[in-house]
Protein backbone atom coordinates (compact mmCIF):
# COMPACT_ATOMS: atom_id res chain seq x y z
CA MET A 1 89.93 73.18 111.44
CA ASN A 2 87.24 73.78 113.59
CA SER A 3 85.18 76.39 115.50
CA THR A 4 88.03 76.92 118.35
CA LEU A 5 90.21 78.67 115.16
CA ASN A 6 90.75 83.03 115.89
CA LYS A 7 92.27 83.75 112.81
CA VAL A 8 92.35 86.14 110.04
CA VAL A 9 92.39 85.82 106.08
CA ASN A 10 93.14 88.11 103.87
CA LEU A 11 90.74 87.19 101.00
CA TYR A 12 90.87 88.35 97.41
CA LYS A 13 87.32 88.82 96.32
CA PRO A 14 87.04 88.53 92.54
CA ILE A 15 84.53 90.53 90.59
CA GLY A 16 81.19 88.68 90.60
CA PRO A 17 80.18 87.10 94.12
CA THR A 18 79.07 89.88 96.76
CA SER A 19 81.30 90.41 100.24
CA PHE A 20 78.64 88.28 102.00
CA ASP A 21 79.01 85.02 99.32
CA LEU A 22 82.78 84.96 100.17
CA VAL A 23 82.46 85.08 103.99
CA ARG A 24 80.19 82.34 103.66
CA ARG A 25 82.41 80.33 101.80
CA VAL A 26 85.02 81.11 104.45
CA GLN A 27 82.80 79.83 107.31
CA ASN A 28 82.25 76.73 105.69
CA ARG A 29 85.88 75.89 104.50
CA PHE A 30 86.45 76.34 108.31
CA SER A 31 83.58 74.73 109.75
CA ALA A 32 83.85 77.99 111.61
CA ARG A 33 80.71 79.28 114.17
CA LYS A 34 80.90 82.83 112.92
CA ALA A 35 82.86 85.23 110.47
CA GLY A 36 82.51 88.62 109.43
CA HIS A 37 84.40 90.90 106.66
CA ILE A 38 86.13 94.48 107.03
CA GLY A 39 84.32 96.84 104.65
CA THR A 40 81.85 95.78 102.07
CA LEU A 41 82.93 95.49 98.46
CA ASP A 42 80.17 95.29 95.85
CA PRO A 43 79.61 92.69 92.99
CA LEU A 44 81.27 94.55 90.67
CA ALA A 45 84.37 95.56 92.67
CA GLU A 46 87.22 93.02 93.07
CA GLY A 47 90.66 93.28 95.75
CA VAL A 48 91.50 92.75 98.93
CA LEU A 49 88.37 91.52 101.83
CA PRO A 50 89.82 90.54 105.19
CA VAL A 51 87.99 88.09 106.86
CA CYS A 52 87.83 87.43 110.88
CA ILE A 53 87.20 84.03 111.64
CA ASN A 54 85.26 83.07 115.18
CA GLY A 55 86.83 84.92 118.13
CA ALA A 56 88.54 87.32 115.62
CA THR A 57 85.48 88.73 114.51
CA ARG A 58 85.46 90.92 117.70
CA ILE A 59 88.38 93.03 115.96
CA ILE A 60 86.20 94.40 113.46
CA GLN A 61 84.23 97.25 114.85
CA PHE A 62 88.36 98.58 115.53
CA LEU A 63 89.00 97.78 111.45
CA THR A 64 86.28 99.54 109.64
CA ARG A 65 87.09 102.67 110.01
CA LEU A 66 90.78 101.91 108.48
CA PRO A 67 91.78 103.99 105.77
CA LYS A 68 91.36 102.11 101.80
CA VAL A 69 93.18 102.93 98.75
CA TYR A 70 91.13 101.55 95.43
CA LEU A 71 92.54 101.64 92.00
CA ALA A 72 89.64 103.06 89.91
CA GLU A 73 88.47 103.35 86.04
CA MET A 74 85.95 105.33 84.80
CA LYS A 75 84.08 105.94 81.52
CA LEU A 76 83.80 110.06 80.40
CA GLY A 77 80.58 111.02 78.27
CA VAL A 78 78.21 109.14 80.33
CA ALA A 79 76.74 109.42 83.65
CA THR A 80 74.60 106.89 85.47
CA ASP A 81 71.79 106.37 88.19
CA THR A 82 73.94 104.01 90.12
CA GLN A 83 77.38 106.22 89.32
CA ASP A 84 78.40 102.94 88.26
CA SER A 85 77.90 100.98 85.38
CA GLU A 86 75.38 98.79 86.64
CA GLY A 87 72.83 101.65 86.21
CA LYS A 88 70.61 103.27 83.38
CA GLU A 89 72.02 105.80 81.64
CA LEU A 90 71.01 109.69 82.38
CA GLU A 91 72.69 111.51 79.97
CA THR A 92 75.42 111.19 77.69
CA ARG A 93 77.77 114.16 76.64
CA PRO A 94 80.73 115.26 74.43
CA TRP A 95 84.11 114.12 76.14
CA GLU A 96 86.48 114.32 72.85
CA GLY A 97 88.03 117.84 74.48
CA VAL A 98 89.11 116.19 77.67
CA GLY A 99 92.52 115.03 77.96
CA GLU A 100 95.25 114.49 80.36
CA ALA A 101 95.19 118.01 81.70
CA GLU A 102 91.81 118.48 82.35
CA VAL A 103 91.46 115.02 84.32
CA LYS A 104 93.89 116.18 86.40
CA ARG A 105 92.79 119.37 87.54
CA ALA A 106 89.49 117.69 88.25
CA LEU A 107 91.28 115.38 90.79
CA ALA A 108 93.26 117.92 92.45
CA THR A 109 89.88 119.76 92.98
CA LEU A 110 88.36 116.54 94.31
CA ARG A 111 91.63 115.77 96.19
CA GLU A 112 90.97 119.02 98.33
CA ARG A 113 87.31 117.92 99.09
CA LYS A 114 86.33 117.51 102.73
CA THR A 115 82.80 116.30 102.68
CA GLN A 116 80.85 114.21 99.93
CA VAL A 117 77.05 113.61 99.30
CA PRO A 118 76.93 109.78 99.15
CA PRO A 119 74.74 108.54 96.25
CA MET A 120 71.62 107.83 96.01
CA PHE A 121 72.17 104.20 95.60
CA SER A 122 73.79 103.02 98.82
CA ALA A 123 73.05 101.76 102.24
CA LYS A 124 73.12 105.11 103.81
CA LYS A 125 69.46 105.67 105.54
CA LYS A 126 66.92 108.66 105.36
CA ASN A 127 64.58 108.59 108.21
CA GLY A 128 65.76 105.04 108.88
CA VAL A 129 65.15 103.75 105.14
CA PRO A 130 68.26 102.55 103.11
CA LEU A 131 68.71 105.00 100.38
CA TYR A 132 68.69 102.51 98.16
CA LYS A 133 65.25 101.29 98.45
CA LEU A 134 64.40 105.07 98.18
CA ALA A 135 65.90 104.87 94.95
CA ARG A 136 64.24 101.83 93.63
CA ASN A 137 61.09 103.28 93.68
CA GLY A 138 62.37 106.23 91.48
CA ILE A 139 62.40 108.29 94.29
CA THR A 140 65.50 110.88 95.24
CA VAL A 141 65.86 112.88 98.54
CA ASN A 142 68.42 115.47 99.86
CA ARG A 143 71.37 114.07 101.37
CA GLU A 144 73.56 115.18 104.15
CA PRO A 145 77.13 115.51 103.01
CA VAL A 146 79.21 113.48 105.31
CA SER A 147 83.00 114.17 106.60
CA ILE A 148 85.85 112.23 104.34
CA GLN A 149 89.24 112.55 103.70
CA ILE A 150 91.64 112.07 100.59
CA TYR A 151 94.91 111.18 101.39
CA SER A 152 96.15 111.15 97.90
CA LEU A 153 94.57 111.21 94.13
CA GLU A 154 96.90 109.95 91.66
CA PHE A 155 96.27 110.27 87.86
CA ILE A 156 97.35 107.20 86.34
CA GLY A 157 96.49 106.80 82.61
CA GLN A 158 93.82 107.55 79.71
CA GLU A 159 92.55 105.91 77.11
CA GLU A 160 89.77 107.92 74.88
CA ASP A 161 87.14 107.88 77.42
CA ARG A 162 88.69 105.55 80.01
CA VAL A 163 90.56 107.38 82.81
CA THR A 164 92.25 105.27 85.87
CA PHE A 165 93.22 106.78 88.93
CA ARG A 166 94.21 105.44 92.17
CA VAL A 167 92.95 107.20 95.51
CA HIS A 168 93.95 106.68 98.99
CA CYS A 169 90.70 107.88 101.37
CA SER A 170 88.99 107.14 104.77
CA ALA A 171 86.47 104.76 105.23
CA GLY A 172 82.99 105.81 104.24
CA THR A 173 84.01 107.30 100.62
CA TYR A 174 82.03 106.49 97.50
CA VAL A 175 84.94 105.92 95.17
CA ARG A 176 81.90 105.84 91.92
CA THR A 177 80.97 109.52 93.63
CA LEU A 178 84.44 110.57 93.15
CA CYS A 179 84.00 109.34 89.55
CA HIS A 180 80.58 111.29 88.94
CA ASP A 181 81.81 114.48 90.66
CA ALA A 182 84.92 113.96 88.37
CA GLY A 183 82.86 113.72 85.47
CA GLU A 184 80.36 117.25 86.71
CA LEU A 185 83.91 119.17 87.05
CA LEU A 186 84.66 117.89 83.64
CA GLY A 187 81.60 119.17 82.12
CA CYS A 188 81.13 115.79 80.47
CA GLY A 189 79.61 113.90 83.26
CA ALA A 190 81.30 110.18 84.04
CA HIS A 191 80.54 107.12 85.80
CA MET A 192 82.71 103.95 87.53
CA THR A 193 83.45 101.17 85.31
CA ARG A 194 85.97 99.35 87.16
CA LEU A 195 87.43 99.16 91.14
CA THR A 196 90.17 97.30 92.77
CA ARG A 197 90.76 97.63 96.63
CA GLU A 198 94.33 97.36 96.83
CA ARG A 199 94.62 97.99 100.61
CA VAL A 200 92.49 97.99 103.92
CA GLY A 201 94.99 99.28 106.35
CA PRO A 202 97.78 96.67 107.26
CA PHE A 203 96.14 94.29 104.59
CA ASP A 204 97.45 94.56 101.64
CA ARG A 205 96.77 92.85 97.80
CA ALA A 206 100.16 91.25 97.44
CA SER A 207 99.48 89.22 100.68
CA ALA A 208 95.67 88.52 99.57
CA ILE A 209 94.86 84.83 98.69
CA THR A 210 91.95 83.88 95.91
CA PRO A 211 89.06 82.01 97.02
CA GLU A 212 90.67 79.17 94.93
CA HIS A 213 94.10 79.24 96.21
CA MET A 214 92.56 79.51 99.86
CA ASP A 215 90.74 75.59 98.88
CA ASP A 216 94.33 74.73 97.23
CA ALA A 217 95.93 75.41 100.53
CA TRP A 218 93.55 73.37 102.47
CA GLU A 219 93.86 70.43 100.22
CA ASP A 220 97.82 70.52 100.37
CA GLY A 221 97.69 71.77 104.12
CA THR A 222 99.71 74.79 103.55
CA LEU A 223 96.50 77.37 104.59
CA PRO A 224 97.36 77.36 108.36
CA ASP A 225 100.30 79.40 107.06
CA LYS A 226 98.30 81.99 105.22
CA LEU A 227 96.01 82.54 108.46
CA LEU A 228 96.94 85.88 110.11
CA GLU A 229 96.59 86.59 114.28
CA PRO A 230 94.18 89.22 115.25
CA ASP A 231 97.11 90.78 116.67
CA HIS A 232 98.93 91.74 113.27
CA ALA A 233 95.78 92.76 111.86
CA LEU A 234 95.66 95.77 115.14
CA ASN A 235 99.28 96.71 114.74
CA PHE A 236 98.57 99.64 113.50
CA LEU A 237 97.10 100.38 117.04
CA PRO A 238 100.03 102.37 119.29
CA GLU A 239 100.82 100.07 122.56
CA ILE A 240 100.66 100.37 126.14
CA ARG A 241 102.40 97.65 127.84
CA ILE A 242 101.05 96.94 131.70
CA CYS A 243 102.17 94.84 134.62
CA GLU A 244 101.17 91.12 135.75
CA MET A 245 98.67 92.32 137.99
CA GLY A 246 97.44 94.20 135.29
CA VAL A 247 96.61 91.23 133.69
CA ARG A 248 94.59 90.13 136.00
CA ALA A 249 92.99 93.48 136.27
CA VAL A 250 92.13 93.30 132.42
CA SER A 251 91.00 89.76 132.22
CA HIS A 252 88.16 91.01 134.99
CA GLY A 253 87.34 93.75 132.94
CA ARG A 254 88.57 96.37 135.47
CA PRO A 255 89.95 99.82 134.10
CA ILE A 256 93.76 100.21 133.96
CA THR A 257 95.46 102.61 136.89
CA LYS A 258 98.71 104.33 136.24
CA ALA A 259 100.29 101.92 138.45
CA LEU A 260 99.10 99.05 136.49
CA LEU A 261 101.19 101.13 133.41
CA GLU A 262 104.48 99.60 132.55
CA GLN A 263 105.02 101.89 129.22
CA VAL A 264 102.90 104.55 127.84
CA PRO A 265 102.86 106.47 123.90
CA ASP A 266 104.82 109.43 123.61
CA GLU A 267 101.00 110.78 122.58
CA MET A 268 97.50 109.72 124.16
CA THR A 269 94.91 110.67 122.24
CA PRO A 270 91.26 110.68 124.64
CA GLY A 271 88.89 109.01 121.82
CA LYS A 272 91.67 106.74 120.29
CA PHE A 273 91.98 102.99 120.75
CA TYR A 274 95.54 101.77 122.10
CA ARG A 275 96.71 98.12 122.41
CA VAL A 276 96.76 96.69 125.61
CA THR A 277 99.49 94.39 125.67
CA ARG A 278 102.32 92.41 128.08
CA PRO A 279 105.06 90.17 125.86
CA GLU A 280 104.74 87.10 127.07
CA SER A 281 100.42 87.29 126.69
CA GLY A 282 100.41 89.02 123.77
CA LEU A 283 97.26 91.37 122.99
CA LEU A 284 95.28 91.70 125.90
CA ALA A 285 92.61 94.31 125.17
CA ILE A 286 91.98 97.49 123.28
CA ALA A 287 91.84 100.34 125.56
CA GLU A 288 91.02 104.38 125.63
CA PRO A 289 92.86 106.87 127.25
CA LEU A 290 90.78 109.21 129.50
CA LEU A 291 93.74 111.87 129.55
CA ASP A 292 96.24 113.49 127.35
CA ASN A 293 99.79 113.22 128.58
CA GLU A 294 99.82 116.16 130.51
CA GLY A 295 96.71 114.63 132.47
CA PHE A 296 98.27 111.40 132.70
CA SER A 297 101.57 113.04 134.19
CA ARG A 298 99.26 114.48 137.54
CA LEU A 299 97.44 110.96 137.99
CA ASP A 300 97.95 109.10 141.16
CA PRO A 301 98.77 105.50 141.07
CA GLY A 302 95.67 104.86 141.49
CA GLN A 303 93.73 106.94 139.18
CA VAL A 304 92.21 105.32 136.26
CA ALA A 305 94.22 106.30 133.15
CA PHE A 306 92.35 104.14 130.60
CA LYS A 307 89.07 102.56 130.05
CA LEU A 308 88.68 99.10 128.34
CA LYS A 309 86.67 98.98 125.16
CA ARG A 310 87.41 95.22 124.35
CA VAL A 311 88.86 92.30 126.53
CA PHE A 312 90.26 89.50 124.62
CA ILE A 313 91.51 87.49 127.15
CA GLU A 314 89.63 85.57 130.18
CA PRO A 315 89.53 85.18 133.89
């Protein structure tokens, strides 16, 4: 395999290495020019870590905002400065009166929240400086809440001071902050002790391969069967189909006029991304509509309907 390979490998990151360690391992394994991952996992965490190789890195910008599913464990009674088990203990409080009913009520409250204050130990920036750099110097600053979406927050179980839950959330949601906030709602404090990412958009745990399995598949020649086309990663985006003349226009980076479209989705929303395809050519580009369906219906054939965001074919 060489630098012409443009694929995605759905990797399962173990606890310990950083996400960038795994990206380098993939890049070295495939002798790739470049590689990039979708959604960073801390060393403490494990789970799904899709890695794009060579030309497939061009789709990363459309995947970073995908919703994610996590299985998390938190420890009641102890709050830490990092909100996880790698940090320093800030305080301990009795947790013995906290049972399943109380935990479920706290999770139900968190499920309705639409904003979240990022933790100090995070890559978010304040006046251009990453928060974690300030935190390491003992500096705490006010942080603006950011918008999040909790699609589901499910109680899995409790064994003494350990609570397990599953959360389906928008990108940018800090699960360790959910643990911390749950502890505050419960009045006993809490921090995250384990995190497994089970899904990133279309990439799930069942189809992920460990770094060791990747190496084994390389040795026995089955690794190509485990690699994904960039098209697969973008299947969640709605599709528009263009005519043959449209293929030529797109390959030269020209916007898509109404006359070049053979098929449009039932719902067109400016600001959202759409796959540009043709059956015999596959994925051609990613585009954004300039109007909704009502506005589109009033366009003349020669007027622009979609602007290109990323082109995957060459003239």
